[in-house]
Amino acid sequence: MCAFDPPRSLSFNYWSSFSGIEDTPELRQLIRYDLADDDGGVRVTIHQSNVDTQQRADDSAKNWQVVLEGLKSLAEDGL
């Protein structure tokens, strides 16, 4: 499942060989990026679903935090 609604959202399914689980459609995670105006800036929200365990969900949340902090730094400070 993929969807693209510029400039508001992008969604896709995702599987990683590092996950240790079989690559089947029903096991793929769903990732969605949403963009929204926010007081002169842009708010980026990431939704991740169809995660098979709470531990994987918690690990993903930590990883997304690092990604979003890096994106914010890049957007504010440039290269």
N, C-alpha and C. Protein backbone atom coordinates (compact mmCIF):
# COMPACT_ATOMS: atom_id res chain seq x y z
N MET A 1 0.84 -1.18 0.00
CA MET A 1 0.00 0.00 0.00
C MET A 1 0.88 1.24 0.00
N CYS A 2 0.70 2.06 -0.98
CA CYS A 2 1.41 3.33 -1.07
C CYS A 2 0.41 4.41 -1.41
N ALA A 3 0.63 5.59 -0.87
CA ALA A 3 -0.20 6.74 -1.20
C ALA A 3 0.66 7.99 -1.14
N PHE A 4 0.37 8.93 -2.01
CA PHE A 4 1.14 10.16 -2.07
C PHE A 4 0.16 11.29 -2.29
N ASP A 5 0.12 12.23 -1.37
CA ASP A 5 -0.79 13.36 -1.45
C ASP A 5 0.03 14.64 -1.23
N PRO A 6 0.80 15.06 -2.27
CA PRO A 6 1.66 16.23 -2.09
C PRO A 6 0.83 17.48 -1.86
N PRO A 7 1.23 18.36 -1.02
CA PRO A 7 2.42 18.28 -0.17
C PRO A 7 2.09 17.85 1.25
N ARG A 8 1.05 17.06 1.43
CA ARG A 8 0.59 16.74 2.78
C ARG A 8 1.06 15.41 3.34
N SER A 9 1.12 14.35 2.52
CA SER A 9 1.44 13.06 3.12
C SER A 9 2.05 12.08 2.11
N LEU A 10 2.73 11.12 2.67
CA LEU A 10 3.31 10.02 1.92
C LEU A 10 3.20 8.79 2.79
N SER A 11 2.71 7.69 2.22
CA SER A 11 2.65 6.45 2.99
C SER A 11 3.11 5.30 2.11
N PHE A 12 3.65 4.28 2.79
CA PHE A 12 4.18 3.12 2.07
C PHE A 12 4.30 1.96 3.05
N ASN A 13 4.43 0.75 2.50
CA ASN A 13 4.69 -0.38 3.38
C ASN A 13 6.19 -0.62 3.42
N TYR A 14 6.62 -1.30 4.49
CA TYR A 14 8.05 -1.42 4.75
C TYR A 14 8.37 -2.77 5.35
N TRP A 15 9.47 -3.33 4.91
CA TRP A 15 10.01 -4.54 5.50
C TRP A 15 11.52 -4.43 5.51
N SER A 16 12.15 -4.93 6.54
CA SER A 16 13.61 -4.90 6.64
C SER A 16 14.14 -6.32 6.81
N SER A 17 15.19 -6.63 6.09
CA SER A 17 15.82 -7.95 6.25
C SER A 17 16.41 -8.11 7.64
N PHE A 18 16.65 -7.00 8.34
CA PHE A 18 17.18 -7.06 9.70
C PHE A 18 16.12 -7.45 10.73
N SER A 19 14.85 -7.44 10.34
CA SER A 19 13.77 -7.70 11.30
C SER A 19 13.73 -9.16 11.75
N GLY A 20 14.24 -10.05 10.93
CA GLY A 20 14.20 -11.46 11.29
C GLY A 20 12.86 -12.11 11.04
N ILE A 21 11.94 -11.37 10.42
CA ILE A 21 10.64 -11.95 10.09
C ILE A 21 10.52 -12.09 8.58
N GLU A 22 9.63 -12.97 8.18
CA GLU A 22 9.41 -13.26 6.77
C GLU A 22 8.84 -12.03 6.05
N ASP A 23 9.22 -11.84 4.80
CA ASP A 23 8.70 -10.74 4.00
C ASP A 23 7.41 -11.18 3.31
N THR A 24 6.31 -10.95 4.00
CA THR A 24 4.99 -11.22 3.43
C THR A 24 4.14 -9.96 3.57
N PRO A 25 3.19 -9.75 2.67
CA PRO A 25 2.39 -8.53 2.71
C PRO A 25 1.74 -8.25 4.06
N GLU A 26 1.25 -9.30 4.72
CA GLU A 26 0.56 -9.07 6.00
C GLU A 26 1.50 -8.71 7.14
N LEU A 27 2.81 -8.94 6.99
CA LEU A 27 3.78 -8.60 8.03
C LEU A 27 4.49 -7.27 7.78
N ARG A 28 4.23 -6.66 6.64
CA ARG A 28 4.89 -5.39 6.35
C ARG A 28 4.33 -4.28 7.23
N GLN A 29 5.22 -3.45 7.72
CA GLN A 29 4.81 -2.31 8.51
C GLN A 29 4.31 -1.22 7.57
N LEU A 30 3.44 -0.38 8.08
CA LEU A 30 2.93 0.75 7.31
C LEU A 30 3.52 2.03 7.91
N ILE A 31 4.13 2.83 7.05
CA ILE A 31 4.75 4.08 7.47
C ILE A 31 4.02 5.22 6.77
N ARG A 32 3.67 6.26 7.51
CA ARG A 32 3.03 7.43 6.91
C ARG A 32 3.67 8.70 7.46
N TYR A 33 4.08 9.57 6.56
CA TYR A 33 4.59 10.89 6.92
C TYR A 33 3.48 11.90 6.63
N ASP A 34 3.16 12.73 7.61
CA ASP A 34 2.20 13.81 7.42
C ASP A 34 2.90 15.13 7.66
N LEU A 35 2.62 16.12 6.81
CA LEU A 35 3.16 17.46 6.96
C LEU A 35 2.00 18.43 7.18
N ALA A 36 2.19 19.37 8.11
CA ALA A 36 1.15 20.35 8.39
C ALA A 36 1.80 21.68 8.75
N ASP A 37 1.14 22.77 8.35
CA ASP A 37 1.61 24.10 8.75
C ASP A 37 1.56 24.19 10.27
N ASP A 38 2.58 24.86 10.83
CA ASP A 38 2.64 24.98 12.29
C ASP A 38 3.34 26.28 12.65
N ASP A 39 2.57 27.34 12.83
CA ASP A 39 3.09 28.62 13.32
C ASP A 39 4.31 29.09 12.53
N GLY A 40 4.17 29.14 11.21
CA GLY A 40 5.25 29.61 10.37
C GLY A 40 6.26 28.55 9.99
N GLY A 41 6.10 27.36 10.50
CA GLY A 41 6.99 26.24 10.18
C GLY A 41 6.17 25.06 9.66
N VAL A 42 6.77 23.92 9.70
CA VAL A 42 6.10 22.70 9.26
C VAL A 42 6.25 21.64 10.34
N ARG A 43 5.15 21.02 10.67
CA ARG A 43 5.17 19.91 11.62
C ARG A 43 5.21 18.61 10.82
N VAL A 44 6.17 17.76 11.15
CA VAL A 44 6.30 16.44 10.52
C VAL A 44 5.84 15.41 11.56
N THR A 45 4.88 14.60 11.18
CA THR A 45 4.40 13.54 12.06
C THR A 45 4.59 12.21 11.33
N ILE A 46 5.12 11.24 12.03
CA ILE A 46 5.33 9.91 11.46
C ILE A 46 4.45 8.92 12.20
N HIS A 47 3.68 8.18 11.44
CA HIS A 47 2.83 7.13 11.98
C HIS A 47 3.40 5.79 11.49
N GLN A 48 3.53 4.86 12.39
CA GLN A 48 4.00 3.52 12.02
C GLN A 48 3.04 2.52 12.62
N SER A 49 2.54 1.62 11.79
CA SER A 49 1.58 0.63 12.28
C SER A 49 1.92 -0.76 11.74
N ASN A 50 1.20 -1.72 12.23
CA ASN A 50 1.39 -3.13 11.91
C ASN A 50 2.77 -3.62 12.38
N VAL A 51 3.18 -3.13 13.52
CA VAL A 51 4.44 -3.58 14.14
C VAL A 51 4.09 -4.81 14.98
N ASP A 52 4.87 -5.87 14.82
CA ASP A 52 4.48 -7.16 15.40
C ASP A 52 4.69 -7.30 16.90
N THR A 53 5.59 -6.52 17.51
CA THR A 53 5.79 -6.62 18.96
C THR A 53 5.92 -5.23 19.56
N GLN A 54 5.64 -5.14 20.84
CA GLN A 54 5.79 -3.85 21.53
C GLN A 54 7.26 -3.44 21.57
N GLN A 55 8.16 -4.40 21.72
CA GLN A 55 9.59 -4.09 21.74
C GLN A 55 10.02 -3.44 20.42
N ARG A 56 9.56 -3.99 19.31
CA ARG A 56 9.90 -3.39 18.00
C ARG A 56 9.29 -2.00 17.87
N ALA A 57 8.09 -1.83 18.37
CA ALA A 57 7.45 -0.51 18.33
C ALA A 57 8.24 0.49 19.16
N ASP A 58 8.67 0.09 20.34
CA ASP A 58 9.47 0.97 21.19
C ASP A 58 10.80 1.32 20.54
N ASP A 59 11.46 0.32 19.96
CA ASP A 59 12.73 0.57 19.26
C ASP A 59 12.53 1.52 18.09
N SER A 60 11.46 1.33 17.34
CA SER A 60 11.17 2.22 16.21
C SER A 60 10.93 3.65 16.67
N ALA A 61 10.21 3.80 17.77
CA ALA A 61 9.94 5.14 18.29
C ALA A 61 11.25 5.86 18.64
N LYS A 62 12.18 5.15 19.22
CA LYS A 62 13.49 5.74 19.55
C LYS A 62 14.23 6.13 18.27
N ASN A 63 14.20 5.25 17.28
CA ASN A 63 14.88 5.55 16.02
C ASN A 63 14.25 6.76 15.31
N TRP A 64 12.92 6.82 15.30
CA TRP A 64 12.25 7.96 14.66
C TRP A 64 12.60 9.26 15.36
N GLN A 65 12.75 9.23 16.67
CA GLN A 65 13.12 10.44 17.41
C GLN A 65 14.47 10.97 16.93
N VAL A 66 15.43 10.08 16.74
CA VAL A 66 16.75 10.47 16.24
C VAL A 66 16.64 11.04 14.83
N VAL A 67 15.86 10.38 13.99
CA VAL A 67 15.67 10.85 12.61
C VAL A 67 15.05 12.24 12.59
N LEU A 68 14.00 12.43 13.38
CA LEU A 68 13.32 13.73 13.39
C LEU A 68 14.20 14.84 13.96
N GLU A 69 14.99 14.52 14.98
CA GLU A 69 15.91 15.52 15.52
C GLU A 69 16.95 15.91 14.48
N GLY A 70 17.46 14.94 13.72
CA GLY A 70 18.41 15.23 12.65
C GLY A 70 17.79 16.05 11.54
N LEU A 71 16.56 15.73 11.17
CA LEU A 71 15.85 16.49 10.15
C LEU A 71 15.62 17.93 10.60
N LYS A 72 15.24 18.11 11.85
CA LYS A 72 15.02 19.45 12.40
C LYS A 72 16.31 20.25 12.38
N SER A 73 17.39 19.65 12.80
CA SER A 73 18.69 20.32 12.79
C SER A 73 19.10 20.71 11.38
N LEU A 74 18.92 19.81 10.44
CA LEU A 74 19.26 20.10 9.04
C LEU A 74 18.41 21.23 8.49
N ALA A 75 17.12 21.21 8.78
CA ALA A 75 16.21 22.23 8.28
C ALA A 75 16.51 23.60 8.88
N GLU A 76 16.87 23.63 10.15
CA GLU A 76 17.12 24.91 10.83
C GLU A 76 18.52 25.45 10.59
N ASP A 77 19.51 24.56 10.53
CA ASP A 77 20.90 24.99 10.45
C ASP A 77 21.54 24.79 9.09
N GLY A 78 20.91 24.01 8.23
CA GLY A 78 21.49 23.72 6.92
C GLY A 78 22.64 22.75 7.05
N LEU A 79 23.32 22.57 5.94
CA LEU A 79 24.45 21.64 5.92
C LEU A 79 25.58 22.30 6.63
